[in-house]
Amino acid sequence: MKAFLIFAALGFACFLIIACSEKQPATMGQGEQTETKAPPRVAAAVAEIDGRLVQTEKGLAVATGTDAYVVAGADLSDMIGKLVKVTGVIAEVDGGQVIEVMTVTPMD
């Protein structure tokens, strides 16, 4: 009888733990409902960019014939004005392109 009471108490404790750990859906009234928006997705890819290092108002950038990629992750200020090949991860940030620098090779 004592063993039965111990097993019954353990079973009830397990039942309470499982029941309390299940997440219940929250209910909201009409006035309390809010719409949540997912953060904008940022596309990223590894690439090689050939261009000239220039100083812009957004910071140091690799300027190609058509685009400019703001440099992040490396101090290349001693190479301003030089042609370089930059390898890194390109991402779209705040309407502009940023390259997280992995390697830099001077081309001059």
C-alpha atoms as a PDB file:
ATOM      1  CA  MET A   1       0.000   0.000   0.000  1.00  0.00           C
ATOM      2  CA  LYS A   2       2.875   2.375   0.837  1.00  0.00           C
ATOM      3  CA  ALA A   3       4.487   1.709  -2.561  1.00  0.00           C
ATOM      4  CA  PHE A   4       1.188   2.452  -4.310  1.00  0.00           C
ATOM      5  CA  LEU A   5       0.917   5.829  -2.577  1.00  0.00           C
ATOM      6  CA  ILE A   6       4.498   6.723  -3.552  1.00  0.00           C
ATOM      7  CA  PHE A   7       3.867   5.785  -7.216  1.00  0.00           C
ATOM      8  CA  ALA A   8       0.571   7.651  -7.212  1.00  0.00           C
ATOM      9  CA  ALA A   9       2.240  10.775  -5.788  1.00  0.00           C
ATOM     10  CA  LEU A  10       5.067  10.566  -8.354  1.00  0.00           C
ATOM     11  CA  GLY A  11       2.573  10.063 -11.175  1.00  0.00           C
ATOM     12  CA  PHE A  12       0.525  13.074 -10.046  1.00  0.00           C
ATOM     13  CA  ALA A  13       3.693  15.207  -9.760  1.00  0.00           C
ATOM     14  CA  CYS A  14       4.724  14.211 -13.309  1.00  0.00           C
ATOM     15  CA  PHE A  15       1.227  15.044 -14.548  1.00  0.00           C
ATOM     16  CA  LEU A  16       1.416  18.515 -12.950  1.00  0.00           C
ATOM     17  CA  ILE A  17       4.875  19.185 -14.394  1.00  0.00           C
ATOM     18  CA  ILE A  18       3.781  18.215 -17.907  1.00  0.00           C
ATOM     19  CA  ALA A  19       0.520  20.128 -17.666  1.00  0.00           C
ATOM     20  CA  CYS A  20       2.232  23.285 -16.406  1.00  0.00           C
ATOM     21  CA  SER A  21       5.017  23.169 -18.976  1.00  0.00           C
ATOM     22  CA  GLU A  22       2.703  23.100 -22.002  1.00  0.00           C
ATOM     23  CA  LYS A  23       2.368  26.559 -23.439  1.00  0.00           C
ATOM     24  CA  GLN A  24      -1.230  27.644 -23.691  1.00  0.00           C
ATOM     25  CA  PRO A  25      -2.216  29.965 -26.536  1.00  0.00           C
ATOM     26  CA  ALA A  26      -2.723  33.486 -25.326  1.00  0.00           C
ATOM     27  CA  THR A  27      -6.103  34.982 -26.015  1.00  0.00           C
ATOM     28  CA  MET A  28      -6.428  38.646 -26.735  1.00  0.00           C
ATOM     29  CA  GLY A  29      -9.398  40.883 -27.086  1.00  0.00           C
ATOM     30  CA  GLN A  30     -10.050  42.854 -30.266  1.00  0.00           C
ATOM     31  CA  GLY A  31      -8.332  45.950 -28.866  1.00  0.00           C
ATOM     32  CA  GLU A  32      -5.295  44.047 -27.607  1.00  0.00           C
ATOM     33  CA  GLN A  33      -4.275  42.341 -30.846  1.00  0.00           C
ATOM     34  CA  THR A  34      -1.075  43.607 -32.379  1.00  0.00           C
ATOM     35  CA  GLU A  35       0.503  42.722 -35.675  1.00  0.00           C
ATOM     36  CA  THR A  36       4.117  41.660 -35.538  1.00  0.00           C
ATOM     37  CA  LYS A  37       6.272  42.064 -38.583  1.00  0.00           C
ATOM     38  CA  ALA A  38       9.239  39.868 -39.336  1.00  0.00           C
ATOM     39  CA  PRO A  39      12.551  41.720 -39.618  1.00  0.00           C
ATOM     40  CA  PRO A  40      13.668  42.324 -43.191  1.00  0.00           C
ATOM     41  CA  ARG A  41      15.764  39.518 -44.596  1.00  0.00           C
ATOM     42  CA  VAL A  42      19.304  40.371 -45.507  1.00  0.00           C
ATOM     43  CA  ALA A  43      20.795  38.513 -48.425  1.00  0.00           C
ATOM     44  CA  ALA A  44      24.486  37.716 -48.072  1.00  0.00           C
ATOM     45  CA  ALA A  45      26.982  36.073 -50.412  1.00  0.00           C
ATOM     46  CA  VAL A  46      30.751  35.641 -50.624  1.00  0.00           C
ATOM     47  CA  ALA A  47      32.261  37.470 -53.570  1.00  0.00           C
ATOM     48  CA  GLU A  48      35.418  39.019 -55.000  1.00  0.00           C
ATOM     49  CA  ILE A  49      35.251  42.710 -55.821  1.00  0.00           C
ATOM     50  CA  ASP A  50      37.824  44.545 -57.928  1.00  0.00           C
ATOM     51  CA  GLY A  51      37.863  48.280 -57.425  1.00  0.00           C
ATOM     52  CA  ARG A  52      39.495  51.371 -56.011  1.00  0.00           C
ATOM     53  CA  LEU A  53      39.403  52.153 -52.289  1.00  0.00           C
ATOM     54  CA  VAL A  54      37.774  55.543 -51.778  1.00  0.00           C
ATOM     55  CA  GLN A  55      36.587  57.551 -48.790  1.00  0.00           C
ATOM     56  CA  THR A  56      32.813  58.204 -48.837  1.00  0.00           C
ATOM     57  CA  GLU A  57      30.452  59.856 -46.370  1.00  0.00           C
ATOM     58  CA  LYS A  58      29.455  56.361 -45.201  1.00  0.00           C
ATOM     59  CA  GLY A  59      33.091  55.365 -44.715  1.00  0.00           C
ATOM     60  CA  LEU A  60      35.777  53.600 -46.712  1.00  0.00           C
ATOM     61  CA  ALA A  61      34.387  51.810 -49.782  1.00  0.00           C
ATOM     62  CA  VAL A  62      35.498  49.715 -52.725  1.00  0.00           C
ATOM     63  CA  ALA A  63      34.275  51.569 -55.814  1.00  0.00           C
ATOM     64  CA  THR A  64      33.760  49.546 -58.980  1.00  0.00           C
ATOM     65  CA  GLY A  65      32.618  50.994 -62.286  1.00  0.00           C
ATOM     66  CA  THR A  66      28.958  50.769 -61.213  1.00  0.00           C
ATOM     67  CA  ASP A  67      28.762  50.134 -57.439  1.00  0.00           C
ATOM     68  CA  ALA A  68      30.371  51.042 -54.143  1.00  0.00           C
ATOM     69  CA  TYR A  69      30.715  48.564 -51.291  1.00  0.00           C
ATOM     70  CA  VAL A  70      31.284  50.019 -47.823  1.00  0.00           C
ATOM     71  CA  VAL A  71      34.165  48.187 -46.126  1.00  0.00           C
ATOM     72  CA  ALA A  72      33.552  46.524 -42.761  1.00  0.00           C
ATOM     73  CA  GLY A  73      35.771  44.373 -40.577  1.00  0.00           C
ATOM     74  CA  ALA A  74      39.149  45.700 -41.689  1.00  0.00           C
ATOM     75  CA  ASP A  75      41.108  48.954 -41.532  1.00  0.00           C
ATOM     76  CA  LEU A  76      42.186  49.622 -45.100  1.00  0.00           C
ATOM     77  CA  SER A  77      42.737  53.362 -44.681  1.00  0.00           C
ATOM     78  CA  ASP A  78      46.418  53.047 -45.660  1.00  0.00           C
ATOM     79  CA  MET A  79      45.311  51.767 -49.096  1.00  0.00           C
ATOM     80  CA  ILE A  80      42.984  54.672 -50.067  1.00  0.00           C
ATOM     81  CA  GLY A  81      43.257  55.395 -53.773  1.00  0.00           C
ATOM     82  CA  LYS A  82      44.744  51.984 -54.673  1.00  0.00           C
ATOM     83  CA  LEU A  83      43.199  49.316 -56.878  1.00  0.00           C
ATOM     84  CA  VAL A  84      42.440  46.183 -54.845  1.00  0.00           C
ATOM     85  CA  LYS A  85      40.734  42.815 -55.039  1.00  0.00           C
ATOM     86  CA  VAL A  86      38.605  42.310 -51.919  1.00  0.00           C
ATOM     87  CA  THR A  87      37.108  38.953 -50.971  1.00  0.00           C
ATOM     88  CA  GLY A  88      34.314  38.971 -48.425  1.00  0.00           C
ATOM     89  CA  VAL A  89      30.674  38.605 -47.568  1.00  0.00           C
ATOM     90  CA  ILE A  90      28.395  41.112 -49.247  1.00  0.00           C
ATOM     91  CA  ALA A  91      25.193  42.168 -47.533  1.00  0.00           C
ATOM     92  CA  GLU A  92      22.475  44.703 -48.245  1.00  0.00           C
ATOM     93  CA  VAL A  93      22.287  47.098 -45.278  1.00  0.00           C
ATOM     94  CA  ASP A  94      20.088  50.195 -45.096  1.00  0.00           C
ATOM     95  CA  GLY A  95      19.736  50.370 -48.865  1.00  0.00           C
ATOM     96  CA  GLY A  96      23.472  50.129 -49.503  1.00  0.00           C
ATOM     97  CA  GLN A  97      25.955  47.330 -49.991  1.00  0.00           C
ATOM     98  CA  VAL A  98      28.523  46.400 -47.347  1.00  0.00           C
ATOM     99  CA  ILE A  99      31.409  43.957 -47.720  1.00  0.00           C
ATOM    100  CA  GLU A 100      32.736  42.199 -44.609  1.00  0.00           C
ATOM    101  CA  VAL A 101      36.384  41.856 -45.643  1.00  0.00           C
ATOM    102  CA  MET A 102      38.076  38.452 -45.533  1.00  0.00           C
ATOM    103  CA  THR A 103      41.119  39.145 -47.750  1.00  0.00           C
ATOM    104  CA  VAL A 104      42.586  42.134 -49.619  1.00  0.00           C
ATOM    105  CA  THR A 105      45.060  41.927 -52.495  1.00  0.00           C
ATOM    106  CA  PRO A 106      46.626  45.082 -53.962  1.00  0.00           C
ATOM    107  CA  MET A 107      46.403  45.198 -57.780  1.00  0.00           C
ATOM    108  CA  ASP A 108      48.680  48.210 -58.430  1.00  0.00           C
END
